[in-house]
Amino acid sequence: MSAVNITNVTVLDNPAPFLNPFQFEISYECLIALKDDLEWKLIYVGSAEDETYDQLLESVLVGPVNVGNYRFVLQADPPDPSKIREEDIIGVTVLLLTCSYLGQEFIRVGYYVNNDYDDEQLREEPPQKVLIDRVQRNILADKPRVTKFPINFHPENNEHGDQPAPLPDHATENNEQGELPQPPSPDHQSE
């Protein structure tokens, strides 16, 4: 069981010009009081072939978190187009919203983003050099890909031997060759 569950993510200002800030209204619940902060990150995937083009758009710490329901707006600057290959600006890419606790990522929400010109003529006959001020992004907000990772929300229990740590959602076991099995398939959600 996870100590934190995202209950809703609303993409605000969508579609929008490429150079507008991103805005996400994030709602989540905390089922167990946490002593440390949650770290929320927004990452823009600049190239499907090369992660060195990925850009961390925002990283915020929220907490400590008590039991209850929470909501906040995460706003992030747009990606720097000079750090994206020209051929990767127009087309489909991915935006990742992640949440971590004590450096352990426990949820990732991925969105496809379609970047295209705001004008039919430009779409049909694109200029040789991208006109970034004419590019519009459209986040496919109704089809996020949600992946959950089991983590230990109370590692201090392991260090001091007070009580055993809660079992993760998907306990990991070694197979007969001593290798870790393939991770379970990701959960899908349309929130």
N, C-alpha and C. Protein backbone atom coordinates (compact mmCIF):
# COMPACT_ATOMS: atom_id res chain seq x y z
N MET A 1 0.85 -1.18 0.00
CA MET A 1 0.00 0.00 0.00
C MET A 1 0.89 1.24 0.00
N SER A 2 0.56 2.18 -0.84
CA SER A 2 1.31 3.42 -0.90
C SER A 2 0.81 4.39 0.16
N ALA A 3 1.71 5.16 0.72
CA ALA A 3 1.33 6.16 1.72
C ALA A 3 0.73 7.39 1.08
N VAL A 4 1.01 7.60 -0.22
CA VAL A 4 0.52 8.78 -0.95
C VAL A 4 -0.10 8.31 -2.26
N ASN A 5 -1.30 8.81 -2.55
CA ASN A 5 -1.97 8.50 -3.81
C ASN A 5 -2.38 9.80 -4.50
N ILE A 6 -2.07 9.89 -5.78
CA ILE A 6 -2.58 11.02 -6.57
C ILE A 6 -4.04 10.73 -6.85
N THR A 7 -4.90 11.69 -6.51
CA THR A 7 -6.33 11.50 -6.75
C THR A 7 -6.80 12.20 -8.02
N ASN A 8 -6.07 13.24 -8.46
CA ASN A 8 -6.43 13.92 -9.70
C ASN A 8 -5.31 14.84 -10.14
N VAL A 9 -5.13 14.93 -11.45
CA VAL A 9 -4.23 15.91 -12.04
C VAL A 9 -5.00 16.59 -13.15
N THR A 10 -5.10 17.92 -13.09
CA THR A 10 -5.77 18.69 -14.12
C THR A 10 -4.72 19.54 -14.82
N VAL A 11 -4.66 19.40 -16.14
CA VAL A 11 -3.74 20.21 -16.93
C VAL A 11 -4.45 21.53 -17.21
N LEU A 12 -3.86 22.63 -16.76
CA LEU A 12 -4.44 23.96 -16.96
C LEU A 12 -3.81 24.60 -18.20
N ASP A 13 -4.51 25.56 -18.79
CA ASP A 13 -3.99 26.31 -19.95
C ASP A 13 -3.52 25.35 -21.04
N ASN A 14 -4.45 24.56 -21.55
CA ASN A 14 -4.12 23.55 -22.56
C ASN A 14 -5.23 23.47 -23.58
N PRO A 15 -4.91 23.55 -24.88
CA PRO A 15 -3.61 23.80 -25.49
C PRO A 15 -3.12 25.22 -25.23
N ALA A 16 -1.82 25.41 -25.49
CA ALA A 16 -1.21 26.71 -25.20
C ALA A 16 -0.01 26.92 -26.12
N PRO A 17 0.42 28.17 -26.27
CA PRO A 17 1.65 28.41 -27.02
C PRO A 17 2.83 27.68 -26.36
N PHE A 18 3.76 27.23 -27.18
CA PHE A 18 4.91 26.46 -26.71
C PHE A 18 5.66 27.18 -25.59
N LEU A 19 5.76 28.50 -25.67
CA LEU A 19 6.55 29.26 -24.70
C LEU A 19 5.79 29.67 -23.44
N ASN A 20 4.53 29.25 -23.30
CA ASN A 20 3.78 29.53 -22.07
C ASN A 20 4.24 28.58 -20.96
N PRO A 21 4.13 29.02 -19.70
CA PRO A 21 4.46 28.11 -18.60
C PRO A 21 3.47 26.93 -18.56
N PHE A 22 3.95 25.80 -18.05
CA PHE A 22 3.08 24.65 -17.78
C PHE A 22 2.40 24.88 -16.44
N GLN A 23 1.15 24.42 -16.32
CA GLN A 23 0.43 24.49 -15.05
C GLN A 23 -0.36 23.21 -14.85
N PHE A 24 -0.14 22.58 -13.71
CA PHE A 24 -0.85 21.36 -13.34
C PHE A 24 -1.45 21.54 -11.95
N GLU A 25 -2.74 21.29 -11.83
CA GLU A 25 -3.36 21.27 -10.51
C GLU A 25 -3.34 19.82 -10.04
N ILE A 26 -2.61 19.58 -8.97
CA ILE A 26 -2.38 18.22 -8.47
C ILE A 26 -3.13 18.03 -7.16
N SER A 27 -3.94 16.98 -7.10
CA SER A 27 -4.64 16.61 -5.87
C SER A 27 -4.11 15.25 -5.43
N TYR A 28 -3.83 15.13 -4.14
CA TYR A 28 -3.35 13.85 -3.64
C TYR A 28 -3.79 13.66 -2.20
N GLU A 29 -3.73 12.41 -1.76
CA GLU A 29 -4.07 12.08 -0.38
C GLU A 29 -2.87 11.41 0.27
N CYS A 30 -2.71 11.71 1.54
CA CYS A 30 -1.66 11.08 2.32
C CYS A 30 -2.34 10.20 3.37
N LEU A 31 -2.02 8.91 3.37
CA LEU A 31 -2.67 7.96 4.27
C LEU A 31 -1.89 7.72 5.55
N ILE A 32 -0.59 8.06 5.53
CA ILE A 32 0.29 7.89 6.69
C ILE A 32 1.11 9.17 6.82
N ALA A 33 1.22 9.72 8.02
CA ALA A 33 2.02 10.94 8.21
C ALA A 33 3.47 10.68 7.81
N LEU A 34 4.03 11.63 7.04
CA LEU A 34 5.41 11.52 6.57
C LEU A 34 6.25 12.62 7.20
N LYS A 35 7.43 12.27 7.70
CA LYS A 35 8.30 13.23 8.37
C LYS A 35 9.02 14.15 7.40
N ASP A 36 9.30 13.65 6.20
CA ASP A 36 10.08 14.41 5.24
C ASP A 36 9.20 14.91 4.10
N ASP A 37 9.82 15.71 3.23
CA ASP A 37 9.10 16.33 2.12
C ASP A 37 8.89 15.36 0.97
N LEU A 38 7.83 15.60 0.21
CA LEU A 38 7.64 14.97 -1.09
C LEU A 38 8.32 15.86 -2.12
N GLU A 39 8.97 15.25 -3.10
CA GLU A 39 9.58 16.03 -4.17
C GLU A 39 8.81 15.77 -5.46
N TRP A 40 8.23 16.83 -6.01
CA TRP A 40 7.49 16.78 -7.27
C TRP A 40 8.38 17.36 -8.35
N LYS A 41 8.46 16.67 -9.50
CA LYS A 41 9.28 17.13 -10.62
C LYS A 41 8.46 17.11 -11.90
N LEU A 42 8.78 18.04 -12.79
CA LEU A 42 8.21 18.07 -14.12
C LEU A 42 9.37 18.02 -15.11
N ILE A 43 9.38 17.01 -15.98
CA ILE A 43 10.48 16.78 -16.90
C ILE A 43 9.95 16.77 -18.33
N TYR A 44 10.60 17.53 -19.20
CA TYR A 44 10.25 17.57 -20.62
C TYR A 44 11.24 16.69 -21.37
N VAL A 45 10.73 15.72 -22.11
CA VAL A 45 11.59 14.83 -22.89
C VAL A 45 11.86 15.50 -24.23
N GLY A 46 13.10 15.92 -24.43
CA GLY A 46 13.47 16.67 -25.63
C GLY A 46 13.74 15.81 -26.84
N SER A 47 14.05 14.52 -26.62
CA SER A 47 14.33 13.61 -27.73
C SER A 47 14.06 12.19 -27.27
N ALA A 48 13.35 11.44 -28.10
CA ALA A 48 13.06 10.04 -27.76
C ALA A 48 14.33 9.19 -27.81
N GLU A 49 15.32 9.62 -28.58
CA GLU A 49 16.53 8.82 -28.77
C GLU A 49 17.66 9.16 -27.79
N ASP A 50 17.59 10.31 -27.14
CA ASP A 50 18.75 10.75 -26.35
C ASP A 50 18.28 11.53 -25.12
N GLU A 51 18.42 10.90 -23.95
CA GLU A 51 17.92 11.54 -22.73
C GLU A 51 18.73 12.76 -22.28
N THR A 52 19.87 13.00 -22.91
CA THR A 52 20.62 14.21 -22.56
C THR A 52 19.86 15.47 -22.96
N TYR A 53 18.84 15.34 -23.81
CA TYR A 53 18.02 16.48 -24.20
C TYR A 53 16.84 16.70 -23.25
N ASP A 54 16.66 15.81 -22.27
CA ASP A 54 15.59 15.99 -21.29
C ASP A 54 15.88 17.23 -20.46
N GLN A 55 14.81 17.95 -20.11
CA GLN A 55 14.98 19.17 -19.30
C GLN A 55 14.11 19.07 -18.05
N LEU A 56 14.74 19.25 -16.90
CA LEU A 56 14.00 19.36 -15.64
C LEU A 56 13.42 20.76 -15.60
N LEU A 57 12.10 20.86 -15.72
CA LEU A 57 11.45 22.16 -15.78
C LEU A 57 11.18 22.74 -14.39
N GLU A 58 10.91 21.86 -13.43
CA GLU A 58 10.62 22.33 -12.07
C GLU A 58 10.82 21.18 -11.10
N SER A 59 11.25 21.52 -9.91
CA SER A 59 11.36 20.58 -8.81
C SER A 59 10.96 21.32 -7.55
N VAL A 60 9.92 20.84 -6.87
CA VAL A 60 9.46 21.50 -5.65
C VAL A 60 9.34 20.49 -4.52
N LEU A 61 9.63 20.96 -3.32
CA LEU A 61 9.47 20.14 -2.12
C LEU A 61 8.20 20.57 -1.40
N VAL A 62 7.40 19.58 -1.00
CA VAL A 62 6.16 19.84 -0.29
C VAL A 62 6.18 18.99 0.98
N GLY A 63 6.01 19.62 2.14
CA GLY A 63 5.95 18.81 3.35
C GLY A 63 6.57 19.52 4.53
N PRO A 64 6.69 18.83 5.64
CA PRO A 64 6.26 17.45 5.86
C PRO A 64 4.74 17.31 5.67
N VAL A 65 4.31 16.10 5.41
CA VAL A 65 2.92 15.85 5.02
C VAL A 65 2.21 15.03 6.09
N ASN A 66 1.11 15.56 6.60
CA ASN A 66 0.28 14.83 7.55
C ASN A 66 -0.82 14.07 6.81
N VAL A 67 -1.54 13.24 7.51
CA VAL A 67 -2.66 12.51 6.92
C VAL A 67 -3.70 13.51 6.45
N GLY A 68 -4.19 13.34 5.24
CA GLY A 68 -5.23 14.24 4.72
C GLY A 68 -5.17 14.37 3.22
N ASN A 69 -6.02 15.26 2.70
CA ASN A 69 -6.10 15.53 1.27
C ASN A 69 -5.45 16.88 0.98
N TYR A 70 -4.74 16.94 -0.14
CA TYR A 70 -4.00 18.15 -0.50
C TYR A 70 -4.22 18.48 -1.96
N ARG A 71 -4.05 19.79 -2.28
CA ARG A 71 -4.13 20.23 -3.66
C ARG A 71 -3.23 21.45 -3.82
N PHE A 72 -2.51 21.49 -4.94
CA PHE A 72 -1.67 22.66 -5.24
C PHE A 72 -1.49 22.76 -6.75
N VAL A 73 -1.06 23.92 -7.20
CA VAL A 73 -0.78 24.12 -8.62
C VAL A 73 0.73 24.14 -8.80
N LEU A 74 1.21 23.25 -9.64
CA LEU A 74 2.62 23.21 -10.00
C LEU A 74 2.77 23.98 -11.30
N GLN A 75 3.55 25.05 -11.25
CA GLN A 75 3.79 25.85 -12.45
C GLN A 75 5.26 25.75 -12.80
N ALA A 76 5.54 25.57 -14.09
CA ALA A 76 6.92 25.41 -14.54
C ALA A 76 7.13 26.20 -15.82
N ASP A 77 8.33 26.75 -15.95
CA ASP A 77 8.69 27.42 -17.20
C ASP A 77 8.67 26.40 -18.34
N PRO A 78 8.46 26.87 -19.57
CA PRO A 78 8.50 25.96 -20.71
C PRO A 78 9.94 25.48 -20.94
N PRO A 79 10.11 24.45 -21.75
CA PRO A 79 11.48 24.02 -22.04
C PRO A 79 12.22 25.08 -22.85
N ASP A 80 13.52 25.08 -22.74
CA ASP A 80 14.36 26.00 -23.49
C ASP A 80 14.53 25.42 -24.90
N PRO A 81 13.93 26.05 -25.91
CA PRO A 81 14.00 25.49 -27.26
C PRO A 81 15.43 25.39 -27.80
N SER A 82 16.35 26.20 -27.28
CA SER A 82 17.74 26.12 -27.76
C SER A 82 18.42 24.82 -27.29
N LYS A 83 17.81 24.12 -26.34
CA LYS A 83 18.37 22.86 -25.84
C LYS A 83 17.68 21.64 -26.44
N ILE A 84 16.84 21.89 -27.46
CA ILE A 84 16.14 20.81 -28.16
C ILE A 84 16.61 20.85 -29.61
N ARG A 85 16.90 19.68 -30.16
CA ARG A 85 17.28 19.64 -31.57
C ARG A 85 16.13 20.18 -32.41
N GLU A 86 16.46 20.96 -33.41
CA GLU A 86 15.46 21.60 -34.27
C GLU A 86 14.43 20.58 -34.80
N GLU A 87 14.90 19.41 -35.21
CA GLU A 87 14.00 18.40 -35.79
C GLU A 87 13.07 17.75 -34.75
N ASP A 88 13.35 17.96 -33.44
CA ASP A 88 12.53 17.37 -32.39
C ASP A 88 11.51 18.34 -31.79
N ILE A 89 11.53 19.60 -32.21
CA ILE A 89 10.58 20.57 -31.63
C ILE A 89 9.17 20.30 -32.11
N ILE A 90 8.98 20.14 -33.43
CA ILE A 90 7.66 19.85 -33.98
C ILE A 90 7.44 18.35 -33.92
N GLY A 91 6.25 17.95 -33.46
CA GLY A 91 5.93 16.52 -33.37
C GLY A 91 5.51 16.15 -31.96
N VAL A 92 5.56 14.84 -31.70
CA VAL A 92 5.09 14.31 -30.42
C VAL A 92 6.27 14.06 -29.50
N THR A 93 6.09 14.43 -28.24
CA THR A 93 7.09 14.14 -27.22
C THR A 93 6.36 13.75 -25.94
N VAL A 94 7.08 13.73 -24.83
CA VAL A 94 6.52 13.28 -23.56
C VAL A 94 6.86 14.29 -22.46
N LEU A 95 5.91 14.46 -21.55
CA LEU A 95 6.09 15.26 -20.35
C LEU A 95 5.89 14.33 -19.16
N LEU A 96 6.82 14.34 -18.20
CA LEU A 96 6.74 13.45 -17.04
C LEU A 96 6.55 14.25 -15.76
N LEU A 97 5.54 13.88 -15.00
CA LEU A 97 5.31 14.40 -13.66
C LEU A 97 5.65 13.27 -12.71
N THR A 98 6.63 13.52 -11.82
CA THR A 98 7.03 12.46 -10.89
C THR A 98 6.92 12.94 -9.45
N CYS A 99 6.80 11.99 -8.54
CA CYS A 99 6.83 12.30 -7.12
C CYS A 99 7.73 11.28 -6.43
N SER A 100 8.59 11.81 -5.54
CA SER A 100 9.55 10.98 -4.82
C SER A 100 9.49 11.30 -3.33
N TYR A 101 9.89 10.31 -2.54
CA TYR A 101 10.01 10.49 -1.10
C TYR A 101 11.36 9.91 -0.70
N LEU A 102 12.16 10.71 -0.01
CA LEU A 102 13.51 10.32 0.41
C LEU A 102 14.33 9.82 -0.77
N GLY A 103 14.19 10.50 -1.91
CA GLY A 103 14.96 10.15 -3.09
C GLY A 103 14.46 8.94 -3.85
N GLN A 104 13.33 8.37 -3.44
CA GLN A 104 12.76 7.20 -4.09
C GLN A 104 11.51 7.60 -4.87
N GLU A 105 11.57 7.49 -6.19
CA GLU A 105 10.39 7.81 -7.01
C GLU A 105 9.34 6.73 -6.79
N PHE A 106 8.10 7.16 -6.48
CA PHE A 106 7.04 6.17 -6.28
C PHE A 106 5.88 6.32 -7.25
N ILE A 107 5.83 7.41 -7.99
CA ILE A 107 4.81 7.54 -9.02
C ILE A 107 5.32 8.41 -10.15
N ARG A 108 4.92 8.03 -11.37
CA ARG A 108 5.28 8.79 -12.58
C ARG A 108 4.03 8.86 -13.44
N VAL A 109 3.68 10.09 -13.83
CA VAL A 109 2.55 10.30 -14.72
C VAL A 109 3.11 10.86 -16.02
N GLY A 110 2.94 10.13 -17.09
CA GLY A 110 3.45 10.54 -18.38
C GLY A 110 2.34 11.02 -19.30
N TYR A 111 2.60 12.11 -19.98
CA TYR A 111 1.65 12.68 -20.93
C TYR A 111 2.32 12.81 -22.29
N TYR A 112 1.60 12.43 -23.33
CA TYR A 112 2.06 12.76 -24.68
C TYR A 112 1.76 14.23 -24.93
N VAL A 113 2.68 14.88 -25.62
CA VAL A 113 2.53 16.29 -25.97
C VAL A 113 2.73 16.41 -27.48
N ASN A 114 1.78 17.03 -28.15
CA ASN A 114 1.91 17.26 -29.58
C ASN A 114 2.23 18.74 -29.81
N ASN A 115 3.37 18.99 -30.41
CA ASN A 115 3.79 20.35 -30.75
C ASN A 115 3.62 20.54 -32.25
N ASP A 116 2.85 21.56 -32.63
CA ASP A 116 2.63 21.82 -34.05
C ASP A 116 2.36 23.31 -34.23
N TYR A 117 2.42 23.73 -35.48
CA TYR A 117 2.15 25.15 -35.76
C TYR A 117 0.68 25.47 -35.52
N ASP A 118 0.43 26.72 -35.14
CA ASP A 118 -0.93 27.18 -34.87
C ASP A 118 -1.67 27.61 -36.13
N ASP A 119 -1.02 27.47 -37.29
CA ASP A 119 -1.58 27.94 -38.55
C ASP A 119 -1.55 26.81 -39.58
N GLU A 120 -2.67 26.59 -40.26
CA GLU A 120 -2.78 25.51 -41.24
C GLU A 120 -1.72 25.62 -42.34
N GLN A 121 -1.49 26.82 -42.83
CA GLN A 121 -0.49 27.04 -43.89
C GLN A 121 0.91 26.61 -43.42
N LEU A 122 1.26 26.96 -42.18
CA LEU A 122 2.57 26.57 -41.63
C LEU A 122 2.66 25.06 -41.42
N ARG A 123 1.53 24.43 -41.06
CA ARG A 123 1.54 22.97 -40.88
C ARG A 123 1.76 22.27 -42.22
N GLU A 124 1.13 22.80 -43.28
CA GLU A 124 1.24 22.18 -44.59
C GLU A 124 2.59 22.45 -45.25
N GLU A 125 3.11 23.66 -45.04
CA GLU A 125 4.40 24.04 -45.62
C GLU A 125 5.30 24.61 -44.51
N PRO A 126 5.87 23.71 -43.66
CA PRO A 126 6.68 24.21 -42.55
C PRO A 126 7.94 24.93 -43.03
N PRO A 127 8.27 26.03 -42.37
CA PRO A 127 9.50 26.75 -42.73
C PRO A 127 10.73 25.91 -42.40
N GLN A 128 11.85 26.23 -43.03
CA GLN A 128 13.09 25.48 -42.78
C GLN A 128 13.53 25.62 -41.33
N LYS A 129 13.43 26.83 -40.79
CA LYS A 129 13.79 27.06 -39.38
C LYS A 129 12.48 27.18 -38.59
N VAL A 130 12.42 26.48 -37.46
CA VAL A 130 11.20 26.48 -36.64
C VAL A 130 10.90 27.89 -36.14
N LEU A 131 9.66 28.31 -36.31
CA LEU A 131 9.19 29.59 -35.78
C LEU A 131 8.55 29.30 -34.42
N ILE A 132 9.37 29.33 -33.37
CA ILE A 132 8.94 28.87 -32.04
C ILE A 132 7.75 29.65 -31.52
N ASP A 133 7.64 30.93 -31.86
CA ASP A 133 6.53 31.73 -31.37
C ASP A 133 5.21 31.38 -32.06
N ARG A 134 5.24 30.52 -33.07
CA ARG A 134 4.04 30.08 -33.76
C ARG A 134 3.70 28.62 -33.43
N VAL A 135 4.51 27.99 -32.56
CA VAL A 135 4.29 26.59 -32.18
C VAL A 135 3.33 26.55 -31.00
N GLN A 136 2.36 25.63 -31.11
CA GLN A 136 1.40 25.42 -30.03
C GLN A 136 1.57 24.00 -29.51
N ARG A 137 1.50 23.85 -28.20
CA ARG A 137 1.59 22.51 -27.60
C ARG A 137 0.19 22.08 -27.17
N ASN A 138 -0.05 20.80 -27.30
CA ASN A 138 -1.31 20.22 -26.85
C ASN A 138 -0.98 18.98 -26.04
N ILE A 139 -1.21 19.05 -24.74
CA ILE A 139 -0.95 17.91 -23.85
C ILE A 139 -2.18 17.01 -23.90
N LEU A 140 -1.97 15.74 -24.21
CA LEU A 140 -3.09 14.79 -24.25
C LEU A 140 -3.45 14.41 -22.82
N ALA A 141 -4.16 15.33 -22.17
CA ALA A 141 -4.41 15.25 -20.73
C ALA A 141 -5.36 14.12 -20.36
N ASP A 142 -6.20 13.68 -21.29
CA ASP A 142 -7.17 12.65 -20.95
C ASP A 142 -6.61 11.24 -21.06
N LYS A 143 -5.34 11.10 -21.46
CA LYS A 143 -4.74 9.77 -21.60
C LYS A 143 -3.37 9.69 -20.94
N PRO A 144 -3.28 9.97 -19.64
CA PRO A 144 -1.97 9.86 -18.99
C PRO A 144 -1.58 8.40 -18.80
N ARG A 145 -0.29 8.17 -18.71
CA ARG A 145 0.23 6.84 -18.42
C ARG A 145 0.78 6.91 -16.99
N VAL A 146 0.15 6.19 -16.07
CA VAL A 146 0.53 6.23 -14.66
C VAL A 146 1.31 4.97 -14.31
N THR A 147 2.50 5.16 -13.75
CA THR A 147 3.33 4.05 -13.31
C THR A 147 3.62 4.25 -11.83
N LYS A 148 3.37 3.19 -11.05
CA LYS A 148 3.63 3.25 -9.61
C LYS A 148 4.80 2.33 -9.29
N PHE A 149 5.66 2.79 -8.37
CA PHE A 149 6.81 2.02 -7.95
C PHE A 149 6.72 1.78 -6.44
N PRO A 150 6.92 0.56 -5.98
CA PRO A 150 6.88 0.31 -4.54
C PRO A 150 8.14 0.88 -3.87
N ILE A 151 7.93 1.61 -2.78
CA ILE A 151 9.06 2.12 -2.00
C ILE A 151 8.75 1.93 -0.52
N ASN A 152 9.75 2.11 0.30
CA ASN A 152 9.57 2.05 1.75
C ASN A 152 9.41 3.49 2.25
N PHE A 153 8.21 3.83 2.70
CA PHE A 153 7.95 5.18 3.18
C PHE A 153 8.49 5.41 4.60
N HIS A 154 8.88 4.35 5.30
CA HIS A 154 9.40 4.49 6.66
C HIS A 154 10.69 3.69 6.84
N PRO A 155 11.77 4.08 6.14
CA PRO A 155 13.02 3.32 6.25
C PRO A 155 13.64 3.39 7.64
N GLU A 156 13.26 4.41 8.42
CA GLU A 156 13.84 4.51 9.77
C GLU A 156 13.47 3.31 10.62
N ASN A 157 12.35 2.64 10.31
CA ASN A 157 11.96 1.44 11.05
C ASN A 157 12.95 0.31 10.82
N ASN A 158 13.52 0.23 9.63
CA ASN A 158 14.52 -0.80 9.34
C ASN A 158 15.81 -0.52 10.08
N GLU A 159 16.20 0.77 10.15
CA GLU A 159 17.47 1.14 10.78
C GLU A 159 17.47 0.87 12.28
N HIS A 160 16.38 1.17 12.95
CA HIS A 160 16.34 1.06 14.40
C HIS A 160 15.73 -0.26 14.88
N GLY A 161 15.17 -1.04 13.97
CA GLY A 161 14.59 -2.31 14.35
C GLY A 161 13.33 -2.18 15.18
N ASP A 162 12.69 -1.00 15.17
CA ASP A 162 11.49 -0.82 15.98
C ASP A 162 10.38 -1.77 15.56
N GLN A 163 10.12 -1.80 14.28
CA GLN A 163 9.10 -2.69 13.73
C GLN A 163 9.42 -2.89 12.26
N PRO A 164 8.93 -3.97 11.68
CA PRO A 164 9.24 -4.18 10.27
C PRO A 164 8.57 -3.12 9.40
N ALA A 165 9.24 -2.79 8.33
CA ALA A 165 8.68 -1.82 7.39
C ALA A 165 7.49 -2.43 6.67
N PRO A 166 6.52 -1.60 6.27
CA PRO A 166 5.38 -2.15 5.54
C PRO A 166 5.84 -2.73 4.21
N LEU A 167 5.15 -3.80 3.79
CA LEU A 167 5.49 -4.41 2.51
C LEU A 167 5.10 -3.49 1.37
N PRO A 168 5.91 -3.43 0.33
CA PRO A 168 5.56 -2.60 -0.82
C PRO A 168 4.39 -3.21 -1.58
N ASP A 169 3.82 -2.41 -2.50
CA ASP A 169 2.69 -2.87 -3.30
C ASP A 169 3.03 -4.16 -4.04
N HIS A 170 4.24 -4.23 -4.57
CA HIS A 170 4.68 -5.40 -5.32
C HIS A 170 5.99 -5.86 -4.70
N ALA A 171 5.92 -6.84 -3.80
CA ALA A 171 7.14 -7.32 -3.15
C ALA A 171 8.08 -7.88 -4.21
N THR A 172 9.38 -7.63 -4.05
CA THR A 172 10.37 -8.07 -5.00
C THR A 172 11.03 -9.34 -4.47
N GLU A 173 11.10 -10.35 -5.31
CA GLU A 173 11.75 -11.60 -4.94
C GLU A 173 12.80 -11.93 -5.98
N ASN A 174 13.83 -12.64 -5.57
CA ASN A 174 14.82 -13.11 -6.54
C ASN A 174 14.33 -14.43 -7.11
N ASN A 175 14.63 -14.69 -8.39
CA ASN A 175 14.24 -15.96 -8.99
C ASN A 175 15.34 -16.99 -8.71
N GLU A 176 15.21 -18.18 -9.30
CA GLU A 176 16.16 -19.26 -9.00
C GLU A 176 17.59 -18.92 -9.38
N GLN A 177 17.80 -18.06 -10.37
CA GLN A 177 19.15 -17.68 -10.78
C GLN A 177 19.68 -16.52 -9.95
N GLY A 178 18.92 -16.06 -8.96
CA GLY A 178 19.34 -14.95 -8.12
C GLY A 178 19.11 -13.60 -8.75
N GLU A 179 18.38 -13.58 -9.88
CA GLU A 179 18.10 -12.33 -10.57
C GLU A 179 16.75 -11.80 -10.12
N LEU A 180 16.62 -10.50 -10.24
CA LEU A 180 15.33 -9.90 -9.95
C LEU A 180 14.39 -10.16 -11.10
N PRO A 181 13.11 -10.46 -10.84
CA PRO A 181 12.16 -10.66 -11.93
C PRO A 181 11.86 -9.35 -12.64
N GLN A 182 11.26 -9.43 -13.82
CA GLN A 182 10.84 -8.24 -14.55
C GLN A 182 9.83 -7.48 -13.70
N PRO A 183 9.84 -6.15 -13.72
CA PRO A 183 8.88 -5.39 -12.94
C PRO A 183 7.47 -5.64 -13.44
N PRO A 184 6.47 -5.51 -12.55
CA PRO A 184 5.09 -5.70 -12.98
C PRO A 184 4.70 -4.63 -13.99
N SER A 185 3.71 -4.95 -14.81
CA SER A 185 3.27 -3.96 -15.79
C SER A 185 2.68 -2.76 -15.07
N PRO A 186 2.86 -1.56 -15.62
CA PRO A 186 2.39 -0.34 -14.95
C PRO A 186 0.88 -0.27 -14.87
N ASP A 187 0.41 0.40 -13.83
CA ASP A 187 -1.03 0.63 -13.68
C ASP A 187 -1.44 1.72 -14.66
N HIS A 188 -2.68 1.66 -15.11
CA HIS A 188 -3.20 2.69 -16.02
C HIS A 188 -4.33 3.41 -15.33
N GLN A 189 -4.37 4.71 -15.47
CA GLN A 189 -5.40 5.53 -14.87
C GLN A 189 -5.73 6.66 -15.81
N SER A 190 -6.95 7.12 -15.78
CA SER A 190 -7.34 8.24 -16.63
C SER A 190 -7.78 9.42 -15.81
N GLU A 191 -7.02 9.73 -14.78
CA GLU A 191 -7.37 10.87 -13.94
C GLU A 191 -6.44 12.00 -14.20
